[in-house]
């Protein structure tokens, strides 16, 4: 159980940092929000992978396809966050 949580945090951190490097512009996110971004991206990427490919999630999350899905999901989540935060800033 502990290793699963630590694995999620590490994968989330890696996916979050890669997503922040891919999305242009400045994101005001600390390390904790970067980890949360990566973890949420993992869930989004896993859900999209299941919808598209219908794969079995019982294989674990430390697979190349799971890590790539986490990064893609984190990029999607960060893109939505940046679009919503810029939209809110332009209204103020």
N, C-alpha and C. Protein backbone atom coordinates (compact mmCIF):
# COMPACT_ATOMS: atom_id res chain seq x y z
N UNK A 1 0.82 -1.20 0.00
CA UNK A 1 0.00 0.00 0.00
C UNK A 1 0.87 1.26 0.00
N UNK A 2 1.89 1.27 0.86
CA UNK A 2 2.77 2.43 0.94
C UNK A 2 3.53 2.64 -0.36
N UNK A 3 3.99 1.53 -0.96
CA UNK A 3 4.73 1.63 -2.22
C UNK A 3 3.84 2.11 -3.35
N UNK A 4 2.58 1.75 -3.30
CA UNK A 4 1.63 2.23 -4.32
C UNK A 4 1.46 3.73 -4.22
N UNK A 5 1.30 4.24 -3.01
CA UNK A 5 1.14 5.68 -2.82
C UNK A 5 2.40 6.42 -3.22
N UNK A 6 3.56 5.91 -2.81
CA UNK A 6 4.82 6.55 -3.21
C UNK A 6 5.01 6.50 -4.72
N UNK A 7 4.62 5.40 -5.34
CA UNK A 7 4.71 5.29 -6.80
C UNK A 7 3.82 6.30 -7.50
N UNK A 8 2.60 6.47 -6.98
CA UNK A 8 1.69 7.47 -7.55
C UNK A 8 2.26 8.87 -7.43
N UNK A 9 2.88 9.17 -6.29
CA UNK A 9 3.46 10.50 -6.09
C UNK A 9 4.61 10.73 -7.06
N UNK A 10 5.48 9.74 -7.22
CA UNK A 10 6.63 9.89 -8.12
C UNK A 10 6.18 10.01 -9.57
N UNK A 11 5.26 9.14 -9.99
CA UNK A 11 4.74 9.21 -11.36
C UNK A 11 4.02 10.54 -11.57
N UNK A 12 3.26 10.98 -10.57
CA UNK A 12 2.57 12.27 -10.66
C UNK A 12 3.54 13.42 -10.80
N UNK A 13 4.63 13.38 -10.04
CA UNK A 13 5.64 14.43 -10.12
C UNK A 13 6.28 14.47 -11.50
N UNK A 14 6.64 13.31 -12.02
CA UNK A 14 7.27 13.24 -13.34
C UNK A 14 6.30 13.71 -14.43
N UNK A 15 5.07 13.21 -14.39
CA UNK A 15 4.08 13.61 -15.40
C UNK A 15 3.77 15.09 -15.30
N UNK A 16 3.66 15.62 -14.08
CA UNK A 16 3.38 17.04 -13.90
C UNK A 16 4.50 17.93 -14.43
N UNK A 17 5.75 17.55 -14.15
CA UNK A 17 6.88 18.34 -14.65
C UNK A 17 6.97 18.30 -16.17
N UNK A 18 6.73 17.14 -16.76
CA UNK A 18 6.76 17.05 -18.22
C UNK A 18 5.63 17.87 -18.83
N UNK A 19 4.45 17.82 -18.23
CA UNK A 19 3.32 18.61 -18.73
C UNK A 19 3.62 20.10 -18.63
N UNK A 20 4.25 20.52 -17.53
CA UNK A 20 4.60 21.94 -17.38
C UNK A 20 5.66 22.35 -18.39
N UNK A 21 6.53 21.43 -18.78
CA UNK A 21 7.55 21.76 -19.77
C UNK A 21 6.97 21.85 -21.18
N UNK A 22 5.90 21.09 -21.44
CA UNK A 22 5.31 21.06 -22.77
C UNK A 22 4.38 22.25 -23.01
N UNK A 23 3.59 22.60 -22.02
CA UNK A 23 2.62 23.70 -22.17
C UNK A 23 3.38 25.03 -22.10
N UNK A 24 3.24 25.88 -23.12
CA UNK A 24 3.97 27.16 -23.09
C UNK A 24 3.37 28.13 -22.09
N UNK A 25 4.18 29.08 -21.68
CA UNK A 25 3.73 30.10 -20.75
C UNK A 25 4.10 29.75 -19.33
N UNK A 26 3.83 30.70 -18.45
CA UNK A 26 4.16 30.51 -17.04
C UNK A 26 2.95 29.97 -16.30
N UNK A 27 3.18 28.90 -15.54
CA UNK A 27 2.14 28.35 -14.70
C UNK A 27 2.55 28.59 -13.25
N UNK A 28 1.67 29.19 -12.48
CA UNK A 28 1.97 29.47 -11.08
C UNK A 28 1.58 28.28 -10.23
N UNK A 29 2.36 27.21 -10.34
CA UNK A 29 2.10 25.99 -9.58
C UNK A 29 3.34 25.65 -8.77
N UNK A 30 3.13 25.32 -7.52
CA UNK A 30 4.22 24.83 -6.69
C UNK A 30 4.42 23.35 -6.90
N UNK A 31 5.33 22.77 -6.14
CA UNK A 31 5.63 21.34 -6.31
C UNK A 31 4.45 20.47 -5.91
N UNK A 32 3.71 20.87 -4.88
CA UNK A 32 2.56 20.08 -4.45
C UNK A 32 1.47 20.07 -5.52
N UNK A 33 1.19 21.22 -6.10
CA UNK A 33 0.19 21.28 -7.17
C UNK A 33 0.67 20.57 -8.44
N UNK A 34 1.98 20.54 -8.67
CA UNK A 34 2.51 19.80 -9.80
C UNK A 34 2.29 18.30 -9.62
N UNK A 35 2.48 17.82 -8.39
CA UNK A 35 2.22 16.41 -8.09
C UNK A 35 0.74 16.10 -8.25
N UNK A 36 -0.12 16.97 -7.74
CA UNK A 36 -1.57 16.77 -7.87
C UNK A 36 -1.96 16.78 -9.34
N UNK A 37 -1.37 17.70 -10.11
CA UNK A 37 -1.63 17.75 -11.55
C UNK A 37 -1.28 16.43 -12.21
N UNK A 38 -0.13 15.87 -11.87
CA UNK A 38 0.28 14.60 -12.45
C UNK A 38 -0.61 13.45 -12.03
N UNK A 39 -1.05 13.43 -10.77
CA UNK A 39 -1.93 12.35 -10.30
C UNK A 39 -3.29 12.44 -10.97
N UNK A 40 -3.84 13.64 -11.05
CA UNK A 40 -5.12 13.81 -11.75
C UNK A 40 -4.96 13.46 -13.22
N UNK A 41 -3.83 13.85 -13.80
CA UNK A 41 -3.54 13.49 -15.18
C UNK A 41 -3.44 11.99 -15.37
N UNK A 42 -2.94 11.28 -14.37
CA UNK A 42 -2.88 9.83 -14.44
C UNK A 42 -4.27 9.22 -14.53
N UNK A 43 -5.18 9.76 -13.71
CA UNK A 43 -6.55 9.26 -13.76
C UNK A 43 -7.21 9.59 -15.09
N UNK A 44 -6.99 10.80 -15.59
CA UNK A 44 -7.57 11.20 -16.88
C UNK A 44 -6.98 10.34 -18.00
N UNK A 45 -5.67 10.17 -18.00
CA UNK A 45 -5.02 9.36 -19.03
C UNK A 45 -5.45 7.91 -18.97
N UNK A 46 -5.58 7.37 -17.75
CA UNK A 46 -6.04 5.99 -17.61
C UNK A 46 -7.46 5.80 -18.08
N UNK A 47 -8.31 6.78 -17.76
CA UNK A 47 -9.72 6.72 -18.18
C UNK A 47 -9.83 6.81 -19.69
N UNK A 48 -9.08 7.73 -20.30
CA UNK A 48 -9.11 7.87 -21.75
C UNK A 48 -8.55 6.62 -22.43
N UNK A 49 -7.48 6.06 -21.86
CA UNK A 49 -6.92 4.83 -22.42
C UNK A 49 -7.90 3.68 -22.35
N UNK A 50 -8.64 3.60 -21.24
CA UNK A 50 -9.64 2.54 -21.12
C UNK A 50 -10.77 2.74 -22.12
N UNK A 51 -11.20 4.00 -22.33
CA UNK A 51 -12.27 4.27 -23.28
C UNK A 51 -11.84 3.99 -24.72
N UNK A 52 -10.61 4.37 -25.05
CA UNK A 52 -10.14 4.23 -26.42
C UNK A 52 -9.75 2.78 -26.74
N UNK A 53 -8.96 2.17 -25.85
CA UNK A 53 -8.40 0.85 -26.14
C UNK A 53 -9.11 -0.28 -25.42
N UNK A 54 -9.90 0.03 -24.40
CA UNK A 54 -10.60 -0.99 -23.64
C UNK A 54 -9.65 -1.93 -22.91
N UNK A 55 -8.51 -1.42 -22.48
CA UNK A 55 -7.51 -2.27 -21.83
C UNK A 55 -7.91 -2.59 -20.39
N UNK A 56 -7.30 -3.61 -19.85
CA UNK A 56 -7.57 -4.05 -18.50
C UNK A 56 -6.70 -3.27 -17.51
N UNK A 57 -7.29 -2.55 -16.56
CA UNK A 57 -6.50 -1.76 -15.62
C UNK A 57 -5.83 -2.61 -14.54
N UNK A 58 -6.02 -3.92 -14.53
CA UNK A 58 -5.43 -4.76 -13.50
C UNK A 58 -3.95 -5.01 -13.72
N UNK A 59 -3.39 -4.54 -14.79
CA UNK A 59 -1.98 -4.74 -15.07
C UNK A 59 -1.06 -3.88 -14.24
N UNK A 60 -1.58 -2.93 -13.50
CA UNK A 60 -0.77 -2.04 -12.70
C UNK A 60 -0.53 -0.72 -13.40
N UNK A 61 0.01 0.23 -12.64
CA UNK A 61 0.20 1.56 -13.22
C UNK A 61 1.65 1.81 -13.64
N UNK A 62 2.57 0.94 -13.28
CA UNK A 62 3.96 1.13 -13.68
C UNK A 62 4.26 0.37 -14.96
N UNK A 63 3.60 0.78 -16.01
CA UNK A 63 3.80 0.25 -17.34
C UNK A 63 4.11 1.42 -18.25
N UNK A 64 4.84 1.18 -19.34
CA UNK A 64 5.11 2.31 -20.24
C UNK A 64 3.84 2.98 -20.76
N UNK A 65 2.82 2.20 -21.06
CA UNK A 65 1.58 2.81 -21.55
C UNK A 65 0.91 3.62 -20.44
N UNK A 66 1.01 3.18 -19.21
CA UNK A 66 0.42 3.92 -18.10
C UNK A 66 1.14 5.23 -17.84
N UNK A 67 2.46 5.21 -17.96
CA UNK A 67 3.23 6.43 -17.75
C UNK A 67 2.98 7.42 -18.88
N UNK A 68 2.93 6.94 -20.10
CA UNK A 68 2.64 7.82 -21.24
C UNK A 68 1.22 8.38 -21.12
N UNK A 69 0.27 7.54 -20.71
CA UNK A 69 -1.10 8.01 -20.49
C UNK A 69 -1.16 9.05 -19.39
N UNK A 70 -0.34 8.89 -18.35
CA UNK A 70 -0.29 9.88 -17.27
C UNK A 70 0.21 11.22 -17.78
N UNK A 71 1.23 11.18 -18.61
CA UNK A 71 1.78 12.43 -19.16
C UNK A 71 0.76 13.10 -20.07
N UNK A 72 0.12 12.33 -20.94
CA UNK A 72 -0.89 12.90 -21.84
C UNK A 72 -2.06 13.47 -21.03
N UNK A 73 -2.50 12.74 -20.02
CA UNK A 73 -3.58 13.23 -19.17
C UNK A 73 -3.19 14.50 -18.43
N UNK A 74 -1.94 14.57 -17.94
CA UNK A 74 -1.47 15.76 -17.24
C UNK A 74 -1.40 16.96 -18.18
N UNK A 75 -1.01 16.72 -19.43
CA UNK A 75 -0.97 17.81 -20.41
C UNK A 75 -2.39 18.33 -20.67
N UNK A 76 -3.35 17.42 -20.78
CA UNK A 76 -4.74 17.82 -20.99
C UNK A 76 -5.26 18.63 -19.81
N UNK A 77 -5.01 18.13 -18.59
CA UNK A 77 -5.49 18.83 -17.40
C UNK A 77 -4.83 20.19 -17.25
N UNK A 78 -3.52 20.27 -17.48
CA UNK A 78 -2.82 21.56 -17.38
C UNK A 78 -3.30 22.52 -18.46
N UNK A 79 -3.54 22.02 -19.67
CA UNK A 79 -4.06 22.89 -20.73
C UNK A 79 -5.41 23.48 -20.36
N UNK A 80 -6.27 22.68 -19.78
CA UNK A 80 -7.58 23.19 -19.32
C UNK A 80 -7.39 24.19 -18.20
N UNK A 81 -6.50 23.90 -17.25
CA UNK A 81 -6.24 24.81 -16.13
C UNK A 81 -5.73 26.17 -16.62
N UNK A 82 -4.77 26.13 -17.56
CA UNK A 82 -4.20 27.38 -18.08
C UNK A 82 -5.26 28.17 -18.84
N UNK A 83 -6.09 27.50 -19.64
CA UNK A 83 -7.14 28.20 -20.40
C UNK A 83 -8.16 28.83 -19.46
N UNK A 84 -8.55 28.11 -18.42
CA UNK A 84 -9.55 28.65 -17.49
C UNK A 84 -8.95 29.78 -16.66
N UNK A 85 -7.71 29.65 -16.22
CA UNK A 85 -7.11 30.71 -15.40
C UNK A 85 -6.83 31.96 -16.22
N UNK A 86 -6.44 31.83 -17.47
CA UNK A 86 -6.23 33.02 -18.32
C UNK A 86 -7.56 33.69 -18.65
N UNK A 87 -8.57 32.88 -18.84
CA UNK A 87 -9.90 33.43 -19.14
C UNK A 87 -10.43 34.22 -17.94
N UNK A 88 -10.21 33.68 -16.75
CA UNK A 88 -10.64 34.37 -15.53
C UNK A 88 -9.86 35.64 -15.27
N UNK A 89 -8.58 35.63 -15.61
CA UNK A 89 -7.73 36.81 -15.41
C UNK A 89 -8.08 37.92 -16.40
N UNK A 90 -8.52 37.57 -17.60
CA UNK A 90 -8.87 38.59 -18.58
C UNK A 90 -10.19 39.27 -18.25
N UNK A 91 -11.05 38.60 -17.49
CA UNK A 91 -12.32 39.21 -17.11
C UNK A 91 -12.16 40.21 -15.97
N UNK A 92 -11.14 40.01 -15.15
CA UNK A 92 -10.97 40.87 -13.96
C UNK A 92 -10.39 42.21 -14.29
